[in-house]
Amino acid sequence: MSNIKFSSTETEQLVIKIQGYFAKELDQDLGQFDAEFLLDFFSTEVGAYFYNRGLFDAQAVIAAKLENISEMIHEGISEIEKPIR
């Protein structure tokens, strides 16, 4: 069983995409049950790879933004820094 849970709307949309892919690229009709089974298989077997990649990418974006903020603070510190007597 997949740890990834999709709403019924998301599942419906994904099933339609899977069926469309099979029809267009493989010239095969795929029923709704088979498409849902295939979706569950990929969610279970490879879903964690995509999820982890998303986390890794999000971390990289956040790190870059924090670096940018740090540089802005460092560059602007002389303008807002209080004089020391």
Protein backbone atom coordinates (compact mmCIF):
# COMPACT_ATOMS: atom_id res chain seq x y z
CA MET A 1 0.00 0.00 0.00
CA SER A 2 1.24 3.45 -0.90
CA ASN A 3 2.19 5.98 1.74
CA ILE A 4 1.30 8.73 -0.71
CA LYS A 5 -2.38 9.60 -0.56
CA PHE A 6 -4.06 11.53 -3.33
CA SER A 7 -7.50 13.08 -3.13
CA SER A 8 -10.18 11.53 -5.30
CA THR A 9 -9.88 14.48 -7.70
CA GLU A 10 -6.10 14.09 -7.92
CA THR A 11 -6.45 10.34 -8.44
CA GLU A 12 -8.99 10.91 -11.20
CA GLN A 13 -6.71 13.41 -12.95
CA LEU A 14 -3.68 11.13 -12.65
CA VAL A 15 -5.62 8.14 -13.96
CA ILE A 16 -6.70 10.18 -16.98
CA LYS A 17 -3.06 11.17 -17.62
CA ILE A 18 -1.90 7.54 -17.33
CA GLN A 19 -4.66 6.36 -19.67
CA GLY A 20 -3.80 9.13 -22.13
CA TYR A 21 -0.12 8.19 -22.07
CA PHE A 22 -0.87 4.52 -22.72
CA ALA A 23 -3.24 5.41 -25.56
CA LYS A 24 -0.92 7.91 -27.24
CA GLU A 25 2.54 6.44 -26.67
CA LEU A 26 1.81 2.71 -26.44
CA ASP A 27 -1.39 2.50 -28.50
CA GLN A 28 -3.06 0.55 -25.68
CA ASP A 29 -6.34 1.08 -23.89
CA LEU A 30 -5.95 1.00 -20.13
CA GLY A 31 -8.98 0.65 -17.91
CA GLN A 32 -9.53 2.76 -14.81
CA PHE A 33 -8.75 -0.09 -12.42
CA ASP A 34 -5.49 -0.91 -14.21
CA ALA A 35 -4.48 2.76 -14.31
CA GLU A 36 -5.20 3.13 -10.56
CA PHE A 37 -3.21 -0.04 -9.87
CA LEU A 38 -0.30 1.33 -11.92
CA LEU A 39 -0.53 4.67 -10.09
CA ASP A 40 -0.42 2.87 -6.73
CA PHE A 41 2.55 0.78 -7.88
CA PHE A 42 4.57 3.84 -8.93
CA SER A 43 3.56 5.75 -5.81
CA THR A 44 4.76 2.88 -3.63
CA GLU A 45 7.89 1.96 -5.54
CA VAL A 46 9.26 5.30 -6.78
CA GLY A 47 7.20 7.96 -5.03
CA ALA A 48 9.73 8.35 -2.21
CA TYR A 49 12.47 9.17 -4.75
CA PHE A 50 10.42 12.04 -6.16
CA TYR A 51 9.40 13.20 -2.69
CA ASN A 52 13.00 13.18 -1.44
CA ARG A 53 14.20 15.00 -4.56
CA GLY A 54 11.55 17.65 -3.92
CA LEU A 55 12.80 18.06 -0.35
CA PHE A 56 16.39 18.32 -1.56
CA ASP A 57 15.43 20.94 -4.15
CA ALA A 58 13.41 22.91 -1.58
CA GLN A 59 16.38 22.88 0.81
CA ALA A 60 18.63 24.23 -1.95
CA VAL A 61 16.19 27.06 -2.72
CA ILE A 62 15.84 27.99 0.95
CA ALA A 63 19.62 27.90 1.47
CA ALA A 64 20.14 30.20 -1.52
CA LYS A 65 17.49 32.62 -0.25
CA LEU A 66 19.04 32.65 3.24
CA GLU A 67 22.47 33.31 1.74
CA ASN A 68 21.01 36.19 -0.23
CA ILE A 69 19.39 37.64 2.90
CA SER A 70 22.64 37.23 4.82
CA GLU A 71 24.55 39.09 2.10
CA MET A 72 21.96 41.87 2.06
CA ILE A 73 22.22 42.26 5.83
CA HIS A 74 26.02 42.21 5.72
CA GLU A 75 26.17 44.79 2.91
CA GLY A 76 23.60 47.03 4.55
CA ILE A 77 24.88 46.73 8.11
CA SER A 78 27.07 49.81 7.88
CA GLU A 79 23.99 51.89 7.05
CA ILE A 80 21.95 50.68 10.04
CA GLU A 81 24.72 49.91 12.49
CA LYS A 82 24.77 52.05 15.64
CA PRO A 83 28.05 53.83 16.32
CA ILE A 84 30.06 52.53 19.26
CA ARG A 85 31.58 55.13 21.58
